[in-house]
């Protein structure tokens, strides 16, 4: 079933939303950058008592700074590997690992992949990672991505990819598992329908699982992957990337304001 347009929604009380769990690249960014509209939207959401938790594949090193400087609750990095709270520089591991041994094993899997796909290159931010290993998605086609996945699975590791990077990761490390763990541990009072998830690419797919997240949104660019996803978001924005996130933010803010006036 194709996602419904965000503007067509008339059967949900958006004023009840308490948490937006959002991907970053291609969802918060516009032309690969944060722009002034995003900062305004995040600030207005905070003023409306709607928390934003970033759930990204980006590295621990990058995300530590992002969680500190943006007006957000915090950020989950490495597709569910660890969490940084706002104004807390210390990582909270979600995936338990022996860091030194784990990185060595990931490196060995990457070298195996590289022996079969010599064109792949380690990502520039890979040195800032703790729980996964990344290489640039570059011009890899769908068949090659599937082959990479099969090799990783055979070696006992998971694999996913976004518009930016491919990730070698622990089998059970993904965004949905991490988000649910954080919700249960820190926000047990939050009901599933008080959370909306939003993303733009295959590594956001677990956030679109309707059995776990009944309210999910894809920014318009998600449709370029529609034939590759088992789960599609329930709703889709009219606008692309960061403008799509701002579209969702505006909807939530307006409904919360309307609710407070009634």
C-alpha atoms as a PDB file:
ATOM      1  CA  UNK A   1       0.000   0.000   0.000  1.00  0.00           C
ATOM      2  CA  UNK A   2       1.374   3.417  -0.968  1.00  0.00           C
ATOM      3  CA  UNK A   3       1.887   5.988   1.788  1.00  0.00           C
ATOM      4  CA  UNK A   4      -0.858   8.595   2.277  1.00  0.00           C
ATOM      5  CA  UNK A   5       0.043  12.223   1.705  1.00  0.00           C
ATOM      6  CA  UNK A   6       0.637  14.105   4.930  1.00  0.00           C
ATOM      7  CA  UNK A   7      -1.938  16.753   4.015  1.00  0.00           C
ATOM      8  CA  UNK A   8      -4.593  14.076   3.522  1.00  0.00           C
ATOM      9  CA  UNK A   9      -4.520  13.054   7.180  1.00  0.00           C
ATOM     10  CA  UNK A  10      -7.685  13.830   9.078  1.00  0.00           C
ATOM     11  CA  UNK A  11      -7.978  10.833  11.399  1.00  0.00           C
ATOM     12  CA  UNK A  12      -5.227  11.352  13.930  1.00  0.00           C
ATOM     13  CA  UNK A  13      -4.806  13.737  16.834  1.00  0.00           C
ATOM     14  CA  UNK A  14      -1.394  15.173  15.975  1.00  0.00           C
ATOM     15  CA  UNK A  15      -1.655  17.322  19.079  1.00  0.00           C
ATOM     16  CA  UNK A  16      -0.825  14.194  21.109  1.00  0.00           C
ATOM     17  CA  UNK A  17       2.664  13.782  19.626  1.00  0.00           C
ATOM     18  CA  UNK A  18       5.346  13.976  22.300  1.00  0.00           C
ATOM     19  CA  UNK A  19       8.405  12.637  20.487  1.00  0.00           C
ATOM     20  CA  UNK A  20       9.706  12.826  16.914  1.00  0.00           C
ATOM     21  CA  UNK A  21      12.393  10.221  16.172  1.00  0.00           C
ATOM     22  CA  UNK A  22      14.147  11.350  13.012  1.00  0.00           C
ATOM     23  CA  UNK A  23      16.877  10.284  10.659  1.00  0.00           C
ATOM     24  CA  UNK A  24      19.419  12.991   9.830  1.00  0.00           C
ATOM     25  CA  UNK A  25      21.021  12.917   6.344  1.00  0.00           C
ATOM     26  CA  UNK A  26      18.365  13.418   3.684  1.00  0.00           C
ATOM     27  CA  UNK A  27      15.703  13.986   6.356  1.00  0.00           C
ATOM     28  CA  UNK A  28      16.941  16.925   8.424  1.00  0.00           C
ATOM     29  CA  UNK A  29      19.446  18.170   5.860  1.00  0.00           C
ATOM     30  CA  UNK A  30      18.712  20.217   2.768  1.00  0.00           C
ATOM     31  CA  UNK A  31      21.350  19.907   0.045  1.00  0.00           C
ATOM     32  CA  UNK A  32      23.498  18.057   2.630  1.00  0.00           C
ATOM     33  CA  UNK A  33      23.395  20.961   5.114  1.00  0.00           C
ATOM     34  CA  UNK A  34      21.375  22.116   8.115  1.00  0.00           C
ATOM     35  CA  UNK A  35      19.575  25.318   7.163  1.00  0.00           C
ATOM     36  CA  UNK A  36      17.874  28.110   9.082  1.00  0.00           C
ATOM     37  CA  UNK A  37      14.427  26.573   8.573  1.00  0.00           C
ATOM     38  CA  UNK A  38      15.527  23.439  10.415  1.00  0.00           C
ATOM     39  CA  UNK A  39      16.810  25.429  13.403  1.00  0.00           C
ATOM     40  CA  UNK A  40      13.531  27.329  13.548  1.00  0.00           C
ATOM     41  CA  UNK A  41      11.500  24.122  13.383  1.00  0.00           C
ATOM     42  CA  UNK A  42      13.537  22.432  16.127  1.00  0.00           C
ATOM     43  CA  UNK A  43      13.267  25.498  18.346  1.00  0.00           C
ATOM     44  CA  UNK A  44       9.502  25.735  17.839  1.00  0.00           C
ATOM     45  CA  UNK A  45       9.055  22.019  18.541  1.00  0.00           C
ATOM     46  CA  UNK A  46      10.939  22.371  21.827  1.00  0.00           C
ATOM     47  CA  UNK A  47       8.759  25.362  22.762  1.00  0.00           C
ATOM     48  CA  UNK A  48       5.696  23.214  22.002  1.00  0.00           C
ATOM     49  CA  UNK A  49       6.995  20.494  24.345  1.00  0.00           C
ATOM     50  CA  UNK A  50       7.719  18.049  21.529  1.00  0.00           C
ATOM     51  CA  UNK A  51      11.060  16.309  21.955  1.00  0.00           C
ATOM     52  CA  UNK A  52      13.227  15.405  18.955  1.00  0.00           C
ATOM     53  CA  UNK A  53      15.549  12.409  19.057  1.00  0.00           C
ATOM     54  CA  UNK A  54      17.895  12.013  16.091  1.00  0.00           C
ATOM     55  CA  UNK A  55      18.413   8.396  14.988  1.00  0.00           C
ATOM     56  CA  UNK A  56      21.225   8.333  12.445  1.00  0.00           C
ATOM     57  CA  UNK A  57      23.842   6.111  10.886  1.00  0.00           C
ATOM     58  CA  UNK A  58      26.483   8.780  11.381  1.00  0.00           C
ATOM     59  CA  UNK A  59      29.497   8.129  13.578  1.00  0.00           C
ATOM     60  CA  UNK A  60      29.810   8.532  17.339  1.00  0.00           C
ATOM     61  CA  UNK A  61      32.328  11.336  16.826  1.00  0.00           C
ATOM     62  CA  UNK A  62      30.002  13.375  14.621  1.00  0.00           C
ATOM     63  CA  UNK A  63      26.918  12.731  16.693  1.00  0.00           C
ATOM     64  CA  UNK A  64      28.489  13.772  19.989  1.00  0.00           C
ATOM     65  CA  UNK A  65      28.773  17.317  18.628  1.00  0.00           C
ATOM     66  CA  UNK A  66      25.359  17.295  16.945  1.00  0.00           C
ATOM     67  CA  UNK A  67      23.578  16.183  20.125  1.00  0.00           C
ATOM     68  CA  UNK A  68      25.367  18.919  22.047  1.00  0.00           C
ATOM     69  CA  UNK A  69      24.696  21.868  19.759  1.00  0.00           C
ATOM     70  CA  UNK A  70      21.212  21.253  18.353  1.00  0.00           C
ATOM     71  CA  UNK A  71      18.066  21.880  20.435  1.00  0.00           C
ATOM     72  CA  UNK A  72      17.222  18.170  20.596  1.00  0.00           C
ATOM     73  CA  UNK A  73      16.710  15.588  23.321  1.00  0.00           C
ATOM     74  CA  UNK A  74      19.713  13.647  22.084  1.00  0.00           C
ATOM     75  CA  UNK A  75      20.923  11.476  19.230  1.00  0.00           C
ATOM     76  CA  UNK A  76      21.336   7.759  18.572  1.00  0.00           C
ATOM     77  CA  UNK A  77      24.334   7.143  16.313  1.00  0.00           C
ATOM     78  CA  UNK A  78      25.657   4.287  14.150  1.00  0.00           C
ATOM     79  CA  UNK A  79      22.181   2.939  13.363  1.00  0.00           C
ATOM     80  CA  UNK A  80      21.445   2.095  16.977  1.00  0.00           C
ATOM     81  CA  UNK A  81      24.910   1.525  18.414  1.00  0.00           C
ATOM     82  CA  UNK A  82      25.034   4.239  21.050  1.00  0.00           C
ATOM     83  CA  UNK A  83      23.283   7.301  22.425  1.00  0.00           C
ATOM     84  CA  UNK A  84      24.335  10.822  23.329  1.00  0.00           C
ATOM     85  CA  UNK A  85      22.015  12.982  25.410  1.00  0.00           C
ATOM     86  CA  UNK A  86      21.982  16.719  24.860  1.00  0.00           C
ATOM     87  CA  UNK A  87      24.737  18.399  26.910  1.00  0.00           C
ATOM     88  CA  UNK A  88      26.212  15.024  27.923  1.00  0.00           C
ATOM     89  CA  UNK A  89      29.530  14.239  26.168  1.00  0.00           C
ATOM     90  CA  UNK A  90      29.638  10.624  27.334  1.00  0.00           C
ATOM     91  CA  UNK A  91      28.416   7.843  25.018  1.00  0.00           C
ATOM     92  CA  UNK A  92      25.820   5.419  26.324  1.00  0.00           C
ATOM     93  CA  UNK A  93      26.369   2.102  24.556  1.00  0.00           C
ATOM     94  CA  UNK A  94      23.220   0.402  23.314  1.00  0.00           C
ATOM     95  CA  UNK A  95      25.117  -2.435  21.640  1.00  0.00           C
ATOM     96  CA  UNK A  96      27.426  -4.099  24.157  1.00  0.00           C
ATOM     97  CA  UNK A  97      30.825  -4.755  22.588  1.00  0.00           C
ATOM     98  CA  UNK A  98      34.469  -5.368  23.383  1.00  0.00           C
ATOM     99  CA  UNK A  99      35.556  -2.237  21.549  1.00  0.00           C
ATOM    100  CA  UNK A 100      39.109  -3.208  20.529  1.00  0.00           C
ATOM    101  CA  UNK A 101      38.282  -6.764  19.474  1.00  0.00           C
ATOM    102  CA  UNK A 102      35.050  -5.675  17.799  1.00  0.00           C
ATOM    103  CA  UNK A 103      36.743  -3.095  15.584  1.00  0.00           C
ATOM    104  CA  UNK A 104      39.379  -5.605  14.525  1.00  0.00           C
ATOM    105  CA  UNK A 105      36.690  -8.070  13.483  1.00  0.00           C
ATOM    106  CA  UNK A 106      34.809  -5.388  11.537  1.00  0.00           C
ATOM    107  CA  UNK A 107      38.054  -4.467   9.772  1.00  0.00           C
ATOM    108  CA  UNK A 108      38.529  -8.089   8.705  1.00  0.00           C
ATOM    109  CA  UNK A 109      35.016  -8.235   7.248  1.00  0.00           C
ATOM    110  CA  UNK A 110      35.673  -4.993   5.359  1.00  0.00           C
ATOM    111  CA  UNK A 111      38.891  -6.406   3.890  1.00  0.00           C
ATOM    112  CA  UNK A 112      36.942  -9.469   2.734  1.00  0.00           C
ATOM    113  CA  UNK A 113      34.375  -7.233   1.032  1.00  0.00           C
ATOM    114  CA  UNK A 114      37.142  -5.172  -0.538  1.00  0.00           C
ATOM    115  CA  UNK A 115      38.762  -8.295  -1.975  1.00  0.00           C
ATOM    116  CA  UNK A 116      35.546  -8.918  -3.892  1.00  0.00           C
ATOM    117  CA  UNK A 117      34.645  -5.276  -4.572  1.00  0.00           C
ATOM    118  CA  UNK A 118      37.979  -3.414  -4.957  1.00  0.00           C
ATOM    119  CA  UNK A 119      36.226  -0.128  -5.729  1.00  0.00           C
ATOM    120  CA  UNK A 120      34.793   0.345  -2.229  1.00  0.00           C
ATOM    121  CA  UNK A 121      36.483   2.915   0.027  1.00  0.00           C
ATOM    122  CA  UNK A 122      36.418   3.354   3.774  1.00  0.00           C
ATOM    123  CA  UNK A 123      34.306   6.363   4.766  1.00  0.00           C
ATOM    124  CA  UNK A 124      36.085   9.483   5.996  1.00  0.00           C
ATOM    125  CA  UNK A 125      34.287   9.302   9.351  1.00  0.00           C
ATOM    126  CA  UNK A 126      35.017   5.622   9.972  1.00  0.00           C
ATOM    127  CA  UNK A 127      37.811   6.455  12.434  1.00  0.00           C
ATOM    128  CA  UNK A 128      35.243   8.154  14.665  1.00  0.00           C
ATOM    129  CA  UNK A 129      33.098   5.008  15.008  1.00  0.00           C
ATOM    130  CA  UNK A 130      32.727   2.577  17.896  1.00  0.00           C
ATOM    131  CA  UNK A 131      30.163  -0.068  16.924  1.00  0.00           C
ATOM    132  CA  UNK A 132      30.075  -0.320  13.115  1.00  0.00           C
ATOM    133  CA  UNK A 133      32.306   0.049  10.044  1.00  0.00           C
ATOM    134  CA  UNK A 134      31.386   2.160   7.028  1.00  0.00           C
ATOM    135  CA  UNK A 135      32.348   2.609   3.431  1.00  0.00           C
ATOM    136  CA  UNK A 136      30.964   5.003   0.843  1.00  0.00           C
ATOM    137  CA  UNK A 137      27.885   3.817  -1.028  1.00  0.00           C
ATOM    138  CA  UNK A 138      29.260   5.574  -4.147  1.00  0.00           C
ATOM    139  CA  UNK A 139      27.953   4.012  -7.373  1.00  0.00           C
ATOM    140  CA  UNK A 140      27.130   0.567  -6.002  1.00  0.00           C
ATOM    141  CA  UNK A 141      24.065  -0.843  -7.741  1.00  0.00           C
ATOM    142  CA  UNK A 142      21.263  -2.843  -6.145  1.00  0.00           C
ATOM    143  CA  UNK A 143      22.709  -6.215  -7.163  1.00  0.00           C
ATOM    144  CA  UNK A 144      26.082  -5.341  -5.632  1.00  0.00           C
ATOM    145  CA  UNK A 145      24.423  -4.095  -2.436  1.00  0.00           C
ATOM    146  CA  UNK A 146      22.568  -7.398  -2.124  1.00  0.00           C
ATOM    147  CA  UNK A 147      25.800  -9.317  -2.640  1.00  0.00           C
ATOM    148  CA  UNK A 148      27.518  -7.254   0.060  1.00  0.00           C
ATOM    149  CA  UNK A 149      24.632  -8.003   2.396  1.00  0.00           C
ATOM    150  CA  UNK A 150      24.879 -11.745   1.768  1.00  0.00           C
ATOM    151  CA  UNK A 151      28.628 -11.774   2.474  1.00  0.00           C
ATOM    152  CA  UNK A 152      28.197  -9.861   5.727  1.00  0.00           C
ATOM    153  CA  UNK A 153      25.389 -12.194   6.825  1.00  0.00           C
ATOM    154  CA  UNK A 154      27.571 -15.225   6.081  1.00  0.00           C
ATOM    155  CA  UNK A 155      30.292 -13.718   8.303  1.00  0.00           C
ATOM    156  CA  UNK A 156      27.801 -13.190  11.138  1.00  0.00           C
ATOM    157  CA  UNK A 157      27.296  -9.447  10.666  1.00  0.00           C
ATOM    158  CA  UNK A 158      24.459  -7.218   9.583  1.00  0.00           C
ATOM    159  CA  UNK A 159      24.526  -4.809   6.663  1.00  0.00           C
ATOM    160  CA  UNK A 160      22.535  -1.736   5.758  1.00  0.00           C
ATOM    161  CA  UNK A 161      22.965   1.364   3.631  1.00  0.00           C
ATOM    162  CA  UNK A 162      21.724   4.907   3.285  1.00  0.00           C
ATOM    163  CA  UNK A 163      22.071   7.623   0.674  1.00  0.00           C
ATOM    164  CA  UNK A 164      25.593   8.197   2.008  1.00  0.00           C
ATOM    165  CA  UNK A 165      27.207   5.060   3.401  1.00  0.00           C
ATOM    166  CA  UNK A 166      27.172   1.280   3.704  1.00  0.00           C
ATOM    167  CA  UNK A 167      27.386  -0.129   7.224  1.00  0.00           C
ATOM    168  CA  UNK A 168      28.854  -3.392   8.531  1.00  0.00           C
ATOM    169  CA  UNK A 169      27.289  -3.847  11.958  1.00  0.00           C
ATOM    170  CA  UNK A 170      26.221  -6.340  14.626  1.00  0.00           C
ATOM    171  CA  UNK A 171      23.292  -8.447  13.428  1.00  0.00           C
ATOM    172  CA  UNK A 172      20.735  -7.057  15.857  1.00  0.00           C
ATOM    173  CA  UNK A 173      21.840  -3.440  15.748  1.00  0.00           C
ATOM    174  CA  UNK A 174      19.220  -1.285  14.079  1.00  0.00           C
ATOM    175  CA  UNK A 175      17.316   1.921  14.609  1.00  0.00           C
ATOM    176  CA  UNK A 176      14.033   0.372  15.759  1.00  0.00           C
ATOM    177  CA  UNK A 177      15.661  -1.880  18.366  1.00  0.00           C
ATOM    178  CA  UNK A 178      17.634   1.059  19.771  1.00  0.00           C
ATOM    179  CA  UNK A 179      14.673   3.440  19.789  1.00  0.00           C
ATOM    180  CA  UNK A 180      12.441   0.916  21.556  1.00  0.00           C
ATOM    181  CA  UNK A 181      15.135   0.195  24.124  1.00  0.00           C
ATOM    182  CA  UNK A 182      15.590   3.893  24.894  1.00  0.00           C
ATOM    183  CA  UNK A 183      11.828   4.441  25.075  1.00  0.00           C
ATOM    184  CA  UNK A 184      11.287   1.539  27.458  1.00  0.00           C
ATOM    185  CA  UNK A 185      14.213   2.474  29.690  1.00  0.00           C
ATOM    186  CA  UNK A 186      13.809   6.238  29.867  1.00  0.00           C
ATOM    187  CA  UNK A 187      10.273   7.057  28.674  1.00  0.00           C
ATOM    188  CA  UNK A 188       8.013   4.127  29.622  1.00  0.00           C
ATOM    189  CA  UNK A 189       5.070   6.507  29.911  1.00  0.00           C
ATOM    190  CA  UNK A 190       5.163   7.289  26.186  1.00  0.00           C
ATOM    191  CA  UNK A 191       2.521   5.461  24.164  1.00  0.00           C
ATOM    192  CA  UNK A 192       3.325   4.299  20.601  1.00  0.00           C
ATOM    193  CA  UNK A 193       0.857   6.798  19.129  1.00  0.00           C
ATOM    194  CA  UNK A 194       2.631   9.645  20.913  1.00  0.00           C
ATOM    195  CA  UNK A 195       5.728   8.960  18.797  1.00  0.00           C
ATOM    196  CA  UNK A 196       6.222   9.691  15.116  1.00  0.00           C
ATOM    197  CA  UNK A 197       9.217   8.325  13.201  1.00  0.00           C
ATOM    198  CA  UNK A 198      10.563   9.899  10.006  1.00  0.00           C
ATOM    199  CA  UNK A 199      13.263   8.950   7.519  1.00  0.00           C
ATOM    200  CA  UNK A 200      14.344   8.834   3.883  1.00  0.00           C
ATOM    201  CA  UNK A 201      16.309   5.675   3.014  1.00  0.00           C
ATOM    202  CA  UNK A 202      16.693   1.887   3.494  1.00  0.00           C
ATOM    203  CA  UNK A 203      18.491   2.161   6.829  1.00  0.00           C
ATOM    204  CA  UNK A 204      15.326   3.817   8.185  1.00  0.00           C
ATOM    205  CA  UNK A 205      13.138   0.877   7.182  1.00  0.00           C
ATOM    206  CA  UNK A 206      12.809  -0.569  10.686  1.00  0.00           C
ATOM    207  CA  UNK A 207      11.317   2.766  11.799  1.00  0.00           C
ATOM    208  CA  UNK A 208       8.498   2.206   9.286  1.00  0.00           C
ATOM    209  CA  UNK A 209       7.414  -1.161  10.753  1.00  0.00           C
ATOM    210  CA  UNK A 210       3.724  -0.554  11.589  1.00  0.00           C
ATOM    211  CA  UNK A 211       3.716  -3.213  14.309  1.00  0.00           C
ATOM    212  CA  UNK A 212       6.261  -1.181  16.261  1.00  0.00           C
ATOM    213  CA  UNK A 213       5.614   2.369  15.077  1.00  0.00           C
ATOM    214  CA  UNK A 214       2.019   2.941  13.951  1.00  0.00           C
ATOM    215  CA  UNK A 215       2.784   6.524  12.993  1.00  0.00           C
ATOM    216  CA  UNK A 216       5.671   6.761  10.518  1.00  0.00           C
ATOM    217  CA  UNK A 217       6.482   9.363   7.879  1.00  0.00           C
ATOM    218  CA  UNK A 218       8.835   9.396   4.929  1.00  0.00           C
ATOM    219  CA  UNK A 219      10.100  12.596   3.396  1.00  0.00           C
ATOM    220  CA  UNK A 220       9.274  12.658  -0.317  1.00  0.00           C
ATOM    221  CA  UNK A 221      12.685  11.323  -1.388  1.00  0.00           C
ATOM    222  CA  UNK A 222      11.940   7.945   0.257  1.00  0.00           C
ATOM    223  CA  UNK A 223       9.920   6.973  -2.804  1.00  0.00           C
ATOM    224  CA  UNK A 224      13.103   6.477  -4.847  1.00  0.00           C
ATOM    225  CA  UNK A 225      13.628   3.366  -2.693  1.00  0.00           C
ATOM    226  CA  UNK A 226      10.014   2.172  -2.625  1.00  0.00           C
ATOM    227  CA  UNK A 227      10.761  -0.986  -4.616  1.00  0.00           C
ATOM    228  CA  UNK A 228      13.526  -2.015  -2.171  1.00  0.00           C
ATOM    229  CA  UNK A 229      11.653  -1.714   1.124  1.00  0.00           C
ATOM    230  CA  UNK A 230       9.638  -4.332   2.956  1.00  0.00           C
ATOM    231  CA  UNK A 231       8.062  -1.576   5.045  1.00  0.00           C
ATOM    232  CA  UNK A 232       6.966   1.744   3.606  1.00  0.00           C
ATOM    233  CA  UNK A 233       6.083   4.670   5.873  1.00  0.00           C
ATOM    234  CA  UNK A 234       2.410   5.182   6.604  1.00  0.00           C
ATOM    235  CA  UNK A 235       2.551   8.776   5.410  1.00  0.00           C
ATOM    236  CA  UNK A 236       4.725  10.799   3.059  1.00  0.00           C
ATOM    237  CA  UNK A 237       5.488  14.517   3.002  1.00  0.00           C
ATOM    238  CA  UNK A 238       4.885  16.659  -0.056  1.00  0.00           C
ATOM    239  CA  UNK A 239       8.359  18.166   0.212  1.00  0.00           C
ATOM    240  CA  UNK A 240      11.803  16.621   0.035  1.00  0.00           C
ATOM    241  CA  UNK A 241      14.520  16.189   2.669  1.00  0.00           C
ATOM    242  CA  UNK A 242      14.745  18.916   5.346  1.00  0.00           C
ATOM    243  CA  UNK A 243      11.769  20.767   3.909  1.00  0.00           C
ATOM    244  CA  UNK A 244       9.729  17.591   4.418  1.00  0.00           C
ATOM    245  CA  UNK A 245      10.768  17.407   8.065  1.00  0.00           C
ATOM    246  CA  UNK A 246       9.754  21.039   8.525  1.00  0.00           C
ATOM    247  CA  UNK A 247       6.401  20.214   6.915  1.00  0.00           C
ATOM    248  CA  UNK A 248       5.820  17.515   9.544  1.00  0.00           C
ATOM    249  CA  UNK A 249       7.031  19.806  12.343  1.00  0.00           C
ATOM    250  CA  UNK A 250       4.588  22.521  11.272  1.00  0.00           C
ATOM    251  CA  UNK A 251       1.703  20.053  11.273  1.00  0.00           C
ATOM    252  CA  UNK A 252       2.526  18.796  14.774  1.00  0.00           C
ATOM    253  CA  UNK A 253       3.036  22.306  16.179  1.00  0.00           C
ATOM    254  CA  UNK A 254      -0.225  23.612  14.713  1.00  0.00           C
ATOM    255  CA  UNK A 255      -2.239  20.700  16.090  1.00  0.00           C
ATOM    256  CA  UNK A 256      -0.696  21.065  19.535  1.00  0.00           C
ATOM    257  CA  UNK A 257      -1.506  24.780  19.534  1.00  0.00           C
ATOM    258  CA  UNK A 258      -5.069  24.076  18.436  1.00  0.00           C
ATOM    259  CA  UNK A 259      -5.403  21.443  21.150  1.00  0.00           C
ATOM    260  CA  UNK A 260      -4.215  23.852  23.848  1.00  0.00           C
ATOM    261  CA  UNK A 261      -6.830  26.400  22.758  1.00  0.00           C
ATOM    262  CA  UNK A 262      -9.745  23.966  23.068  1.00  0.00           C
END
